[in-house]
Protein backbone atom coordinates (compact mmCIF):
# COMPACT_ATOMS: atom_id res chain seq x y z
CA UNK A 1 42.41 -54.10 -59.72
CA UNK A 2 46.16 -54.18 -60.59
CA UNK A 3 47.40 -55.36 -63.92
CA UNK A 4 49.15 -58.54 -65.11
CA UNK A 5 52.56 -57.15 -65.19
CA UNK A 6 52.54 -55.63 -62.07
CA UNK A 7 49.67 -57.97 -60.28
CA UNK A 8 52.72 -59.85 -58.49
CA UNK A 9 55.08 -57.06 -57.75
CA UNK A 10 52.83 -54.73 -55.52
CA UNK A 11 55.88 -53.88 -53.35
CA UNK A 12 56.89 -51.73 -56.44
CA UNK A 13 53.91 -48.95 -55.91
CA UNK A 14 54.52 -49.00 -51.97
CA UNK A 15 57.92 -47.55 -52.36
CA UNK A 16 56.91 -45.83 -55.00
CA UNK A 17 54.94 -43.79 -53.06
CA UNK A 18 57.15 -43.47 -50.03
CA UNK A 19 60.31 -42.28 -52.21
CA UNK A 20 61.98 -46.03 -51.77
CA UNK A 21 62.77 -46.66 -54.99
CA UNK A 22 65.97 -46.51 -57.10
CA UNK A 23 65.35 -43.96 -59.75
CA UNK A 24 65.49 -45.90 -62.78
CA UNK A 25 62.73 -48.23 -61.57
CA UNK A 26 61.60 -44.56 -60.53
CA UNK A 27 61.05 -44.10 -64.42
CA UNK A 28 59.79 -47.46 -65.31
CA UNK A 29 57.17 -47.54 -63.20
CA UNK A 30 56.44 -44.16 -64.42
CA UNK A 31 55.92 -44.55 -67.80
CA UNK A 32 53.59 -47.49 -66.69
CA UNK A 33 51.34 -45.40 -64.70
CA UNK A 34 50.94 -42.82 -67.94
CA UNK A 35 49.80 -46.13 -69.59
CA UNK A 36 48.04 -48.43 -67.55
CA UNK A 37 44.89 -46.78 -66.65
CA UNK A 38 43.99 -49.83 -64.24
CA UNK A 39 47.55 -49.35 -62.23
CA UNK A 40 46.96 -45.58 -61.77
CA UNK A 41 43.63 -46.09 -59.95
CA UNK A 42 45.41 -48.32 -57.72
CA UNK A 43 48.31 -45.94 -57.07
CA UNK A 44 45.92 -42.99 -56.69
CA UNK A 45 43.82 -44.85 -54.06
CA UNK A 46 47.03 -46.61 -52.12
CA UNK A 47 47.80 -42.34 -52.03
CA UNK A 48 43.89 -41.70 -50.21
CA UNK A 49 44.71 -44.30 -47.82
CA UNK A 50 48.38 -43.86 -46.57
CA UNK A 51 47.37 -39.66 -46.71
CA UNK A 52 43.82 -41.13 -44.50
CA UNK A 53 46.49 -43.20 -42.13
CA UNK A 54 48.65 -40.16 -41.63
CA UNK A 55 46.02 -37.83 -40.86
CA UNK A 56 44.86 -40.57 -38.12
CA UNK A 57 47.95 -40.59 -36.23
CA UNK A 58 48.79 -36.83 -36.10
CA UNK A 59 48.00 -35.39 -32.78
CA UNK A 60 45.14 -33.79 -32.62
CA UNK A 61 44.47 -30.37 -30.55
CA UNK A 62 42.43 -30.61 -27.03
CA UNK A 63 39.51 -29.43 -27.44
CA UNK A 64 38.06 -25.66 -26.09
CA UNK A 65 35.53 -24.26 -23.04
CA UNK A 66 33.43 -23.85 -25.82
CA UNK A 67 33.42 -27.98 -26.89
CA UNK A 68 32.93 -28.79 -22.64
CA UNK A 69 29.78 -26.48 -22.84
CA UNK A 70 28.19 -27.81 -26.05
CA UNK A 71 28.58 -31.00 -24.17
CA UNK A 72 27.15 -30.66 -20.99
CA UNK A 73 24.16 -28.82 -22.73
CA UNK A 74 23.45 -31.61 -24.98
CA UNK A 75 23.68 -33.76 -22.12
CA UNK A 76 21.45 -32.31 -19.76
CA UNK A 77 18.81 -31.48 -22.71
CA UNK A 78 18.77 -35.49 -22.91
CA UNK A 79 18.39 -35.85 -19.89
CA UNK A 80 15.28 -33.76 -19.90
CA UNK A 81 14.21 -35.79 -22.82
CA UNK A 82 14.78 -38.60 -20.88
CA UNK A 83 12.90 -37.55 -18.01
CA UNK A 84 9.88 -36.78 -20.10
CA UNK A 85 9.84 -39.46 -22.05
CA UNK A 86 10.05 -41.24 -18.33
CA UNK A 87 6.86 -39.28 -17.19
CA UNK A 88 4.40 -39.70 -20.60
CA UNK A 89 4.41 -43.73 -20.34
CA UNK A 90 3.93 -43.53 -16.61
CA UNK A 91 0.61 -40.95 -17.10
CA UNK A 92 -0.84 -43.06 -19.64
CA UNK A 93 -0.67 -46.39 -18.06
CA UNK A 94 -2.48 -44.71 -14.77
CA UNK A 95 -5.19 -42.72 -17.56
CA UNK A 96 -5.32 -46.51 -18.99
CA UNK A 97 -6.21 -47.94 -14.95
CA UNK A 98 -8.14 -44.88 -13.84
CA UNK A 99 -10.24 -45.26 -17.41
CA UNK A 100 -10.89 -49.43 -16.80
CA UNK A 101 -12.06 -48.40 -12.61
CA UNK A 102 -14.16 -45.84 -14.17
CA UNK A 103 -16.36 -47.94 -16.39
CA UNK A 104 -16.33 -50.52 -13.83
CA UNK A 105 -17.92 -48.25 -11.55
CA UNK A 106 -20.48 -47.19 -14.45
CA UNK A 107 -21.51 -50.47 -14.50
CA UNK A 108 -21.84 -50.97 -10.77
CA UNK A 109 -24.16 -47.84 -10.83
CA UNK A 110 -26.28 -48.98 -14.02
CA UNK A 111 -26.84 -52.41 -12.14
CA UNK A 112 -28.10 -51.44 -9.18
CA UNK A 113 -29.94 -48.39 -10.61
CA UNK A 114 -31.87 -51.26 -12.83
CA UNK A 115 -31.97 -53.30 -10.34
CA UNK A 116 -34.11 -50.68 -8.12
CA UNK A 117 -36.23 -49.66 -11.05
CA UNK A 118 -37.03 -53.68 -11.09
CA UNK A 119 -37.59 -54.11 -7.89
CA UNK A 120 -40.14 -51.26 -8.19
CA UNK A 121 -42.13 -52.70 -11.10
CA UNK A 122 -42.45 -55.72 -9.69
CA UNK A 123 -43.84 -55.34 -6.51
CA UNK A 124 -47.18 -56.17 -5.72
CA UNK A 125 -49.22 -52.84 -5.71
CA UNK A 126 -50.02 -51.80 -1.81
CA UNK A 127 -53.50 -50.62 -1.19
CA UNK A 128 -52.64 -47.78 1.37
CA UNK A 129 -54.94 -48.73 4.29
CA UNK A 130 -55.64 -46.83 7.50
CA UNK A 131 -53.90 -47.78 10.88
CA UNK A 132 -57.66 -47.11 12.27
CA UNK A 133 -59.37 -49.69 10.09
CA UNK A 134 -56.56 -51.95 11.39
CA UNK A 135 -57.03 -51.31 15.29
CA UNK A 136 -59.43 -49.52 16.14
CA UNK A 137 -58.30 -46.61 18.74
CA UNK A 138 -58.37 -48.22 22.20
CA UNK A 139 -61.55 -46.95 24.34
CA UNK A 140 -60.89 -43.65 26.59
CA UNK A 141 -59.90 -44.27 30.20
CA UNK A 142 -62.41 -42.25 32.40
CA UNK A 143 -61.01 -39.49 33.96
CA UNK A 144 -62.75 -40.23 37.31
CA UNK A 145 -65.09 -42.10 39.07
CA UNK A 146 -68.37 -40.10 38.25
CA UNK A 147 -67.55 -41.21 34.40
CA UNK A 148 -67.00 -44.71 35.49
CA UNK A 149 -70.49 -44.98 37.01
CA UNK A 150 -71.73 -43.21 33.79
CA UNK A 151 -69.89 -45.15 31.57
CA UNK A 152 -71.60 -48.73 32.96
CA UNK A 153 -74.97 -47.30 33.36
CA UNK A 154 -74.90 -46.69 30.24
CA UNK A 155 -73.75 -49.67 28.86
CA UNK A 156 -75.96 -51.36 30.78
CA UNK A 157 -73.18 -53.53 32.84
CA UNK A 158 -74.14 -52.07 36.30
CA UNK A 159 -77.10 -53.37 37.23
């Protein structure tokens, strides 16, 4: 902050810095700057601002070939990072879906196996019987006429 004596005459400081101030006033401003630390700080800030502004307006040298090589290498690195970054989320989504499908398949399998076990336990016990008990063997057909006659005679049907 500038002191009260020079607060309304800031243009004097600008002219002092630029070297456009008459010699008589240069001595007065210099004497004041030696006595007033606030104005001295303001003057230093103004000089620094002027230096920075002039440095920003100066033309800069063209970047060399190494600069463009570094830029291309950095761009390539960033592209690789993006490619890798795009790969992992897709893999995570696939893994989540695969785990859900696997869990569902396991549930269906366990349900099926439990159903088989339940069915086996609840089936009535079946007594194993021989088919000959239910269905007697058919009578053997006689091989020739003499056997037919013998069979009729033995049954008492041939009288």
